[in-house]
Amino acid sequence: MNKKGPEWEAVTIINPRVNSNSNSKLKCLFCDYTFTGGATRLRAHLLQRTGLGVKICSGDIPQLLLSRVIEEDQRLIDEAKAKTKAIKLALIKNQRTLDQCSQNNLKANLDSQISKFMFTESVPFLKIESPYLKNFISLSCPAYHLPNRKTLATTHLDREYSSVKAAVENAKNTNRFRS
């Protein structure tokens, strides 16, 4: 079990948490405010932070305790930042570029799918250059770059037309009624 921080010295626990999905009912020793929460809401109360569903403390908190709570809060923030940075670095290290995925023809498949969407839904080719679409794609698949509207209207449209034409010819040849 984790050691409790200095913020817990500022409250009386009225009802302790019963399991990992519950919170304790707490009463502040300095302002008599009663609330339900854990360490985060308790620190918000003492450090006068709004937006976490708890009122700010209106009592006189001893400076020594307050400075220890601030120090602990900063330590936790730094720890969270370090973990986030480590996760980001691990993701960047493990992220493969589309060139590395070329054995799976990922870029060709993505281009084909976006092209089919554009053609079958009658989306104007100009929309492929929408900054909102580009931003969405860059957020969801940073290594992928959308084809431009010229490539879409020529190369991809010609490829899709040939594919559909071949499928129609194949269907006609295999489904002919014989007299």
Protein backbone atom coordinates (compact mmCIF):
# COMPACT_ATOMS: atom_id res chain seq x y z
CA MET A 1 0.00 0.00 0.00
CA ASN A 2 1.27 3.49 -0.84
CA LYS A 3 2.32 5.78 1.99
CA LYS A 4 -0.19 8.59 2.50
CA GLY A 5 0.95 12.11 1.72
CA PRO A 6 1.01 15.08 4.10
CA GLU A 7 -2.44 16.25 2.90
CA TRP A 8 -4.01 13.48 5.00
CA GLU A 9 -2.89 15.28 8.17
CA ALA A 10 -5.49 17.98 7.35
CA VAL A 11 -8.58 15.75 7.56
CA THR A 12 -10.50 13.36 9.71
CA ILE A 13 -11.67 10.28 7.83
CA ILE A 14 -15.37 9.95 8.61
CA ASN A 15 -16.02 6.89 6.44
CA PRO A 16 -13.00 5.09 4.99
CA ARG A 17 -13.12 3.76 1.45
CA VAL A 18 -14.42 0.21 1.29
CA ASN A 19 -12.81 -0.89 -1.96
CA SER A 20 -10.68 0.41 -4.81
CA ASN A 21 -13.76 1.84 -6.57
CA SER A 22 -14.89 4.00 -3.67
CA ASN A 23 -13.65 7.13 -1.92
CA SER A 24 -13.45 8.15 1.71
CA LYS A 25 -15.75 10.66 3.35
CA LEU A 26 -13.47 13.35 4.75
CA LYS A 27 -13.80 16.35 7.07
CA CYS A 28 -11.28 19.19 6.88
CA LEU A 29 -9.74 20.05 10.27
CA PHE A 30 -9.34 23.71 9.31
CA CYS A 31 -12.75 24.67 7.85
CA ASP A 32 -15.05 21.75 8.86
CA TYR A 33 -15.96 21.14 5.17
CA THR A 34 -17.11 17.56 4.60
CA PHE A 35 -16.62 15.91 1.20
CA THR A 36 -16.05 12.60 -0.51
CA GLY A 37 -12.78 12.02 -2.28
CA GLY A 38 -9.22 10.89 -2.24
CA ALA A 39 -5.79 12.50 -2.28
CA THR A 40 -6.36 14.50 -5.48
CA ARG A 41 -9.55 16.20 -4.25
CA LEU A 42 -8.02 16.66 -0.83
CA ARG A 43 -4.99 18.47 -2.31
CA ALA A 44 -7.36 20.54 -4.49
CA HIS A 45 -9.27 21.58 -1.36
CA LEU A 46 -6.14 22.55 0.56
CA LEU A 47 -4.33 24.20 -2.39
CA GLN A 48 -7.48 26.14 -3.35
CA ARG A 49 -7.91 24.60 -6.79
CA THR A 50 -11.29 24.83 -8.46
CA GLY A 51 -12.88 22.50 -10.97
CA LEU A 52 -12.43 19.23 -9.13
CA GLY A 53 -15.81 19.15 -7.43
CA VAL A 54 -14.62 20.30 -4.05
CA LYS A 55 -14.78 23.70 -2.32
CA ILE A 56 -11.58 25.52 -1.49
CA CYS A 57 -10.49 25.56 2.13
CA SER A 58 -11.50 28.72 3.94
CA GLY A 59 -9.57 27.89 7.12
CA ASP A 60 -6.07 28.77 8.30
CA ILE A 61 -3.78 25.95 7.17
CA PRO A 62 -0.42 25.90 8.98
CA GLN A 63 2.31 27.11 6.59
CA LEU A 64 4.54 24.11 7.27
CA LEU A 65 1.78 21.66 6.34
CA LEU A 66 0.83 23.72 3.28
CA SER A 67 4.43 23.79 2.03
CA ARG A 68 4.71 19.99 2.48
CA VAL A 69 1.44 19.50 0.54
CA ILE A 70 2.72 21.79 -2.26
CA GLU A 71 6.02 19.88 -2.35
CA GLU A 72 4.21 16.52 -2.54
CA ASP A 73 1.88 17.86 -5.23
CA GLN A 74 4.84 19.02 -7.34
CA ARG A 75 6.57 15.67 -6.86
CA LEU A 76 3.46 13.86 -8.14
CA ILE A 77 3.18 16.22 -11.13
CA ASP A 78 6.86 15.67 -12.01
CA GLU A 79 6.42 11.91 -11.64
CA ALA A 80 3.40 11.94 -13.96
CA LYS A 81 5.28 14.05 -16.52
CA ALA A 82 8.22 11.64 -16.42
CA LYS A 83 5.91 8.67 -16.99
CA THR A 84 4.17 10.45 -19.86
CA LYS A 85 7.52 11.33 -21.44
CA ALA A 86 8.70 7.72 -21.07
CA ILE A 87 5.52 6.43 -22.73
CA LYS A 88 5.85 8.93 -25.60
CA LEU A 89 9.50 7.97 -26.13
CA ALA A 90 8.59 4.28 -26.13
CA LEU A 91 5.84 4.90 -28.69
CA ILE A 92 8.16 6.92 -30.92
CA LYS A 93 10.87 4.28 -30.62
CA ASN A 94 8.45 1.50 -31.56
CA GLN A 95 6.54 3.39 -34.24
CA ARG A 96 7.19 2.05 -37.70
CA THR A 97 7.07 4.32 -40.70
CA LEU A 98 4.98 3.44 -43.72
CA ASP A 99 8.17 2.61 -45.62
CA GLN A 100 8.96 -0.03 -43.00
CA CYS A 101 5.45 -1.44 -43.47
CA SER A 102 5.75 -1.60 -47.25
CA GLN A 103 5.81 -5.40 -47.23
CA ASN A 104 2.13 -5.18 -46.31
CA ASN A 105 1.43 -2.50 -48.94
CA LEU A 106 -0.07 -0.38 -46.19
CA LYS A 107 0.18 2.93 -48.03
CA ALA A 108 -1.34 1.41 -51.19
CA ASN A 109 -4.20 -0.09 -49.15
CA LEU A 110 -4.86 3.18 -47.32
CA ASP A 111 -4.78 5.12 -50.60
CA SER A 112 -7.16 2.60 -52.15
CA GLN A 113 -9.61 2.82 -49.24
CA ILE A 114 -9.67 6.62 -49.11
CA SER A 115 -10.08 6.69 -52.90
CA LYS A 116 -13.00 4.24 -52.83
CA PHE A 117 -14.63 6.33 -50.11
CA MET A 118 -14.21 9.52 -52.12
CA PHE A 119 -15.54 7.92 -55.34
CA THR A 120 -18.47 5.93 -53.95
CA GLU A 121 -19.69 8.76 -51.72
CA SER A 122 -19.32 11.37 -54.50
CA VAL A 123 -17.01 13.51 -52.40
CA PRO A 124 -15.47 16.31 -54.49
CA PHE A 125 -11.74 15.74 -55.07
CA LEU A 126 -11.00 19.15 -53.54
CA LYS A 127 -12.14 17.81 -50.14
CA ILE A 128 -9.07 15.53 -49.95
CA GLU A 129 -7.07 18.71 -49.27
CA SER A 130 -9.26 19.84 -46.37
CA PRO A 131 -7.09 20.92 -43.44
CA TYR A 132 -9.52 19.15 -41.09
CA LEU A 133 -9.14 15.83 -42.92
CA LYS A 134 -5.36 16.26 -43.05
CA ASN A 135 -5.29 17.02 -39.31
CA PHE A 136 -7.46 13.97 -38.56
CA ILE A 137 -5.18 11.71 -40.61
CA SER A 138 -2.01 13.15 -39.07
CA LEU A 139 -3.41 12.52 -35.58
CA SER A 140 -4.62 9.00 -36.30
CA CYS A 141 -1.76 7.82 -38.54
CA PRO A 142 1.13 10.30 -38.46
CA ALA A 143 3.24 8.44 -41.03
CA TYR A 144 0.50 8.40 -43.68
CA HIS A 145 0.14 11.21 -46.19
CA LEU A 146 -3.07 11.57 -48.17
CA PRO A 147 -2.84 11.59 -51.97
CA ASN A 148 -3.40 15.03 -53.45
CA ARG A 149 -6.48 15.76 -55.55
CA LYS A 150 -4.59 15.45 -58.86
CA THR A 151 -3.30 11.98 -57.98
CA LEU A 152 -6.75 11.05 -56.73
CA ALA A 153 -8.43 12.26 -59.95
CA THR A 154 -5.93 10.53 -62.25
CA THR A 155 -3.90 7.61 -60.92
CA HIS A 156 -6.35 6.37 -58.28
CA LEU A 157 -9.48 6.97 -60.34
CA ASP A 158 -7.95 5.18 -63.34
CA ARG A 159 -6.88 2.26 -61.14
CA GLU A 160 -10.34 1.96 -59.56
CA TYR A 161 -12.06 2.27 -62.95
CA SER A 162 -9.89 -0.56 -64.35
CA SER A 163 -10.65 -2.69 -61.30
CA VAL A 164 -14.42 -2.16 -61.57
CA LYS A 165 -14.35 -2.69 -65.35
CA ALA A 166 -12.48 -6.00 -64.92
CA ALA A 167 -14.97 -7.13 -62.26
CA VAL A 168 -17.92 -6.30 -64.55
CA GLU A 169 -16.31 -8.17 -67.47
CA ASN A 170 -15.63 -11.15 -65.23
CA ALA A 171 -19.24 -11.15 -64.00
CA LYS A 172 -20.55 -10.95 -67.56
CA ASN A 173 -18.37 -13.85 -68.68
CA THR A 174 -19.20 -16.15 -65.79
CA ASN A 175 -22.94 -15.43 -65.63
CA ARG A 176 -23.92 -15.63 -69.31
CA PHE A 177 -27.10 -17.45 -70.04
CA ARG A 178 -26.55 -20.15 -72.57
CA SER A 179 -29.28 -21.01 -74.98
